[in-house]
Amino acid sequence: MLQPVSVAIQFGFLAVIYLFLLWVSRSALKDLRRGDYGGRRAASPEPPPDATGLHAASRAIHGGGEDLDPRLVVARAPGHSPGMEYDVGESAVLGRGDQAEIRLEDPFASARHARLLRQGAIVVLEDMGSTNGTYLNEELVTGPQPLHPGDRVRIGDSEFVFQDR
């Protein structure tokens, strides 16, 4: 009589373990598919071929920077419409706080998360000691980094594309 109860308990325990593993793998896949709408990947514009790699440090080499009009275009961000544009001007702070010029409704963003600063003919991205970090083209920003057209800036779930038309 005791043996069938023991076998039933063992099978029940195995079932609980398998359900737990299924739940963990489903949760991991859900996190990996973040940004997936209706089972299809959202169409994102292909970055220009020179968006990553080696770039000239100054636009002066390529004909001057007096016509520089730096902007961040929303690729995806909670509370923002894709395609929305923000002028950078001489500088702009990105974050959740009231003092940020580009306000983020992202729980992973700090109050003053990152800063864009115009230095002559180039725009530099700098993390301001945020908790979760700032990413440029999916690489963690560890110091001031120059931005180039097509570069992708990510803070938490918010992603922007840099343009300087």
C-alpha atoms as a PDB file:
ATOM      1  CA  MET A   1       0.000   0.000   0.000  1.00  0.00           C
ATOM      2  CA  LEU A   2       2.858   2.385   0.791  1.00  0.00           C
ATOM      3  CA  GLN A   3       4.691   1.783  -2.493  1.00  0.00           C
ATOM      4  CA  PRO A   4       1.975   3.173  -4.859  1.00  0.00           C
ATOM      5  CA  VAL A   5       1.722   6.344  -2.725  1.00  0.00           C
ATOM      6  CA  SER A   6       5.503   6.771  -2.868  1.00  0.00           C
ATOM      7  CA  VAL A   7       5.546   6.366  -6.656  1.00  0.00           C
ATOM      8  CA  ALA A   8       2.687   8.874  -7.007  1.00  0.00           C
ATOM      9  CA  ILE A   9       4.592  11.418  -4.876  1.00  0.00           C
ATOM     10  CA  GLN A  10       7.736  10.919  -6.996  1.00  0.00           C
ATOM     11  CA  PHE A  11       5.795  11.474 -10.244  1.00  0.00           C
ATOM     12  CA  GLY A  12       4.131  14.538  -8.740  1.00  0.00           C
ATOM     13  CA  PHE A  13       7.501  15.949  -7.763  1.00  0.00           C
ATOM     14  CA  LEU A  14       8.847  15.364 -11.303  1.00  0.00           C
ATOM     15  CA  ALA A  15       5.767  17.067 -12.758  1.00  0.00           C
ATOM     16  CA  VAL A  16       6.362  20.126 -10.553  1.00  0.00           C
ATOM     17  CA  ILE A  17      10.037  20.279 -11.651  1.00  0.00           C
ATOM     18  CA  TYR A  18       9.075  20.079 -15.341  1.00  0.00           C
ATOM     19  CA  LEU A  19       6.420  22.790 -14.920  1.00  0.00           C
ATOM     20  CA  PHE A  20       8.980  25.013 -13.202  1.00  0.00           C
ATOM     21  CA  LEU A  21      11.503  24.489 -16.031  1.00  0.00           C
ATOM     22  CA  LEU A  22       8.788  25.232 -18.598  1.00  0.00           C
ATOM     23  CA  TRP A  23       7.876  28.445 -16.773  1.00  0.00           C
ATOM     24  CA  VAL A  24      11.553  29.562 -16.587  1.00  0.00           C
ATOM     25  CA  SER A  25      12.195  28.870 -20.285  1.00  0.00           C
ATOM     26  CA  ARG A  26       8.951  30.619 -21.311  1.00  0.00           C
ATOM     27  CA  SER A  27       9.874  33.632 -19.226  1.00  0.00           C
ATOM     28  CA  ALA A  28      13.376  33.742 -20.740  1.00  0.00           C
ATOM     29  CA  LEU A  29      11.986  33.543 -24.277  1.00  0.00           C
ATOM     30  CA  LYS A  30       9.527  36.332 -23.490  1.00  0.00           C
ATOM     31  CA  ASP A  31      12.402  38.555 -22.336  1.00  0.00           C
ATOM     32  CA  LEU A  32      14.416  37.744 -25.455  1.00  0.00           C
ATOM     33  CA  ARG A  33      11.480  38.671 -27.675  1.00  0.00           C
ATOM     34  CA  ARG A  34      10.966  42.051 -26.059  1.00  0.00           C
ATOM     35  CA  GLY A  35       9.868  44.390 -28.826  1.00  0.00           C
ATOM     36  CA  ASP A  36       8.083  41.548 -30.654  1.00  0.00           C
ATOM     37  CA  TYR A  37       4.594  42.671 -31.749  1.00  0.00           C
ATOM     38  CA  GLY A  38       2.019  40.029 -32.561  1.00  0.00           C
ATOM     39  CA  GLY A  39       4.587  37.303 -33.142  1.00  0.00           C
ATOM     40  CA  ARG A  40       6.467  39.327 -35.779  1.00  0.00           C
ATOM     41  CA  ARG A  41       9.576  41.385 -35.290  1.00  0.00           C
ATOM     42  CA  ALA A  42       9.010  45.113 -35.650  1.00  0.00           C
ATOM     43  CA  ALA A  43      10.611  46.381 -38.836  1.00  0.00           C
ATOM     44  CA  SER A  44      13.562  48.525 -37.851  1.00  0.00           C
ATOM     45  CA  PRO A  45      15.460  50.563 -40.386  1.00  0.00           C
ATOM     46  CA  GLU A  46      18.782  49.028 -41.296  1.00  0.00           C
ATOM     47  CA  PRO A  47      21.608  51.241 -39.979  1.00  0.00           C
ATOM     48  CA  PRO A  48      23.874  52.690 -42.640  1.00  0.00           C
ATOM     49  CA  PRO A  49      26.982  50.639 -43.407  1.00  0.00           C
ATOM     50  CA  ASP A  50      29.166  53.189 -41.626  1.00  0.00           C
ATOM     51  CA  ALA A  51      27.063  53.262 -38.408  1.00  0.00           C
ATOM     52  CA  THR A  52      29.660  51.181 -36.624  1.00  0.00           C
ATOM     53  CA  GLY A  53      33.354  50.811 -37.114  1.00  0.00           C
ATOM     54  CA  LEU A  54      35.957  53.495 -37.675  1.00  0.00           C
ATOM     55  CA  HIS A  55      34.811  57.069 -38.186  1.00  0.00           C
ATOM     56  CA  ALA A  56      36.500  60.405 -38.544  1.00  0.00           C
ATOM     57  CA  ALA A  57      36.612  62.188 -35.175  1.00  0.00           C
ATOM     58  CA  SER A  58      35.479  65.492 -36.675  1.00  0.00           C
ATOM     59  CA  ARG A  59      33.080  66.521 -39.413  1.00  0.00           C
ATOM     60  CA  ALA A  60      35.587  69.215 -40.353  1.00  0.00           C
ATOM     61  CA  ILE A  61      37.445  66.534 -42.304  1.00  0.00           C
ATOM     62  CA  HIS A  62      34.286  65.909 -44.350  1.00  0.00           C
ATOM     63  CA  GLY A  63      33.332  69.474 -45.156  1.00  0.00           C
ATOM     64  CA  GLY A  64      32.709  71.247 -41.864  1.00  0.00           C
ATOM     65  CA  GLY A  65      30.155  71.027 -39.083  1.00  0.00           C
ATOM     66  CA  GLU A  66      28.504  74.425 -39.280  1.00  0.00           C
ATOM     67  CA  ASP A  67      25.327  72.834 -40.668  1.00  0.00           C
ATOM     68  CA  LEU A  68      25.197  70.218 -37.894  1.00  0.00           C
ATOM     69  CA  ASP A  69      21.618  69.643 -36.704  1.00  0.00           C
ATOM     70  CA  PRO A  70      21.930  66.765 -34.198  1.00  0.00           C
ATOM     71  CA  ARG A  71      18.766  64.864 -33.287  1.00  0.00           C
ATOM     72  CA  LEU A  72      17.696  61.679 -31.572  1.00  0.00           C
ATOM     73  CA  VAL A  73      14.920  59.734 -33.307  1.00  0.00           C
ATOM     74  CA  VAL A  74      12.835  57.356 -31.198  1.00  0.00           C
ATOM     75  CA  ALA A  75      13.157  53.749 -32.391  1.00  0.00           C
ATOM     76  CA  ARG A  76      11.218  52.471 -29.371  1.00  0.00           C
ATOM     77  CA  ALA A  77      10.568  53.954 -25.955  1.00  0.00           C
ATOM     78  CA  PRO A  78       7.755  53.628 -23.414  1.00  0.00           C
ATOM     79  CA  GLY A  79       5.474  56.660 -23.698  1.00  0.00           C
ATOM     80  CA  HIS A  80       6.983  57.847 -27.007  1.00  0.00           C
ATOM     81  CA  SER A  81       5.898  57.316 -30.604  1.00  0.00           C
ATOM     82  CA  PRO A  82       8.437  55.677 -32.936  1.00  0.00           C
ATOM     83  CA  GLY A  83       9.857  58.270 -35.320  1.00  0.00           C
ATOM     84  CA  MET A  84       9.509  61.121 -32.824  1.00  0.00           C
ATOM     85  CA  GLU A  85      12.536  63.463 -33.018  1.00  0.00           C
ATOM     86  CA  TYR A  86      14.365  65.412 -30.315  1.00  0.00           C
ATOM     87  CA  ASP A  87      16.757  68.281 -31.099  1.00  0.00           C
ATOM     88  CA  VAL A  88      20.013  67.919 -29.195  1.00  0.00           C
ATOM     89  CA  GLY A  89      21.182  71.525 -29.643  1.00  0.00           C
ATOM     90  CA  GLU A  90      24.307  72.292 -27.595  1.00  0.00           C
ATOM     91  CA  SER A  91      23.495  69.649 -24.971  1.00  0.00           C
ATOM     92  CA  ALA A  92      20.666  67.455 -23.719  1.00  0.00           C
ATOM     93  CA  VAL A  93      20.193  65.239 -20.679  1.00  0.00           C
ATOM     94  CA  LEU A  94      18.219  62.002 -20.974  1.00  0.00           C
ATOM     95  CA  GLY A  95      16.505  60.613 -17.887  1.00  0.00           C
ATOM     96  CA  ARG A  96      13.386  60.216 -15.766  1.00  0.00           C
ATOM     97  CA  GLY A  97      13.861  63.370 -13.715  1.00  0.00           C
ATOM     98  CA  ASP A  98      12.257  66.780 -14.148  1.00  0.00           C
ATOM     99  CA  GLN A  99      15.616  68.320 -15.117  1.00  0.00           C
ATOM    100  CA  ALA A 100      16.040  66.047 -18.161  1.00  0.00           C
ATOM    101  CA  GLU A 101      15.468  67.658 -21.553  1.00  0.00           C
ATOM    102  CA  ILE A 102      14.519  64.254 -23.011  1.00  0.00           C
ATOM    103  CA  ARG A 103      12.197  62.651 -20.451  1.00  0.00           C
ATOM    104  CA  LEU A 104      12.113  58.860 -20.351  1.00  0.00           C
ATOM    105  CA  GLU A 105       9.190  56.905 -18.919  1.00  0.00           C
ATOM    106  CA  ASP A 106      11.461  53.905 -18.469  1.00  0.00           C
ATOM    107  CA  PRO A 107      11.816  52.169 -15.088  1.00  0.00           C
ATOM    108  CA  PHE A 108      15.453  51.318 -15.946  1.00  0.00           C
ATOM    109  CA  ALA A 109      16.420  54.980 -16.497  1.00  0.00           C
ATOM    110  CA  SER A 110      17.974  57.136 -13.773  1.00  0.00           C
ATOM    111  CA  ALA A 111      16.784  60.683 -13.076  1.00  0.00           C
ATOM    112  CA  ARG A 112      19.828  62.071 -14.955  1.00  0.00           C
ATOM    113  CA  HIS A 113      20.922  59.020 -16.908  1.00  0.00           C
ATOM    114  CA  ALA A 114      23.015  60.205 -19.861  1.00  0.00           C
ATOM    115  CA  ARG A 115      24.105  63.425 -21.536  1.00  0.00           C
ATOM    116  CA  LEU A 116      24.632  64.464 -25.139  1.00  0.00           C
ATOM    117  CA  LEU A 117      27.115  67.297 -25.472  1.00  0.00           C
ATOM    118  CA  ARG A 118      28.073  69.155 -28.622  1.00  0.00           C
ATOM    119  CA  GLN A 119      31.828  69.712 -28.846  1.00  0.00           C
ATOM    120  CA  GLY A 120      32.478  71.756 -31.939  1.00  0.00           C
ATOM    121  CA  ALA A 121      31.436  69.678 -34.927  1.00  0.00           C
ATOM    122  CA  ILE A 122      30.822  66.436 -33.004  1.00  0.00           C
ATOM    123  CA  VAL A 123      28.244  65.255 -30.465  1.00  0.00           C
ATOM    124  CA  VAL A 124      29.473  63.184 -27.536  1.00  0.00           C
ATOM    125  CA  LEU A 125      27.412  60.687 -25.506  1.00  0.00           C
ATOM    126  CA  GLU A 126      28.293  60.298 -21.837  1.00  0.00           C
ATOM    127  CA  ASP A 127      26.753  58.167 -19.096  1.00  0.00           C
ATOM    128  CA  MET A 128      26.153  60.212 -15.933  1.00  0.00           C
ATOM    129  CA  GLY A 129      26.814  57.438 -13.404  1.00  0.00           C
ATOM    130  CA  SER A 130      23.511  55.662 -14.026  1.00  0.00           C
ATOM    131  CA  THR A 131      22.649  52.445 -12.253  1.00  0.00           C
ATOM    132  CA  ASN A 132      21.846  50.372 -15.355  1.00  0.00           C
ATOM    133  CA  GLY A 133      24.270  51.902 -17.853  1.00  0.00           C
ATOM    134  CA  THR A 134      23.953  53.465 -21.288  1.00  0.00           C
ATOM    135  CA  TYR A 135      24.586  51.478 -24.466  1.00  0.00           C
ATOM    136  CA  LEU A 136      25.909  52.747 -27.790  1.00  0.00           C
ATOM    137  CA  ASN A 137      25.393  50.226 -30.599  1.00  0.00           C
ATOM    138  CA  GLU A 138      24.828  47.543 -27.922  1.00  0.00           C
ATOM    139  CA  GLU A 139      28.159  48.264 -26.183  1.00  0.00           C
ATOM    140  CA  LEU A 140      28.253  49.672 -22.658  1.00  0.00           C
ATOM    141  CA  VAL A 141      29.424  53.291 -22.604  1.00  0.00           C
ATOM    142  CA  THR A 142      32.357  53.600 -20.180  1.00  0.00           C
ATOM    143  CA  GLY A 143      33.468  57.112 -21.104  1.00  0.00           C
ATOM    144  CA  PRO A 144      32.567  59.933 -23.497  1.00  0.00           C
ATOM    145  CA  GLN A 145      31.866  58.505 -26.972  1.00  0.00           C
ATOM    146  CA  PRO A 146      31.411  60.466 -30.225  1.00  0.00           C
ATOM    147  CA  LEU A 147      28.150  59.820 -32.054  1.00  0.00           C
ATOM    148  CA  HIS A 148      27.854  59.167 -35.783  1.00  0.00           C
ATOM    149  CA  PRO A 149      24.768  59.118 -38.004  1.00  0.00           C
ATOM    150  CA  GLY A 150      22.907  55.845 -37.535  1.00  0.00           C
ATOM    151  CA  ASP A 151      24.363  55.089 -34.100  1.00  0.00           C
ATOM    152  CA  ARG A 152      21.859  53.520 -31.710  1.00  0.00           C
ATOM    153  CA  VAL A 153      21.621  54.760 -28.112  1.00  0.00           C
ATOM    154  CA  ARG A 154      19.838  52.454 -25.642  1.00  0.00           C
ATOM    155  CA  ILE A 155      18.799  53.196 -22.085  1.00  0.00           C
ATOM    156  CA  GLY A 156      16.800  50.343 -20.552  1.00  0.00           C
ATOM    157  CA  ASP A 157      13.899  49.602 -22.923  1.00  0.00           C
ATOM    158  CA  SER A 158      14.282  52.946 -24.725  1.00  0.00           C
ATOM    159  CA  GLU A 159      16.241  53.068 -27.963  1.00  0.00           C
ATOM    160  CA  PHE A 160      17.097  56.075 -30.117  1.00  0.00           C
ATOM    161  CA  VAL A 161      18.898  56.559 -33.448  1.00  0.00           C
ATOM    162  CA  PHE A 162      21.294  59.499 -33.801  1.00  0.00           C
ATOM    163  CA  GLN A 163      20.976  61.732 -36.879  1.00  0.00           C
ATOM    164  CA  ASP A 164      22.713  64.969 -37.855  1.00  0.00           C
ATOM    165  CA  ARG A 165      20.961  66.121 -40.995  1.00  0.00           C
END
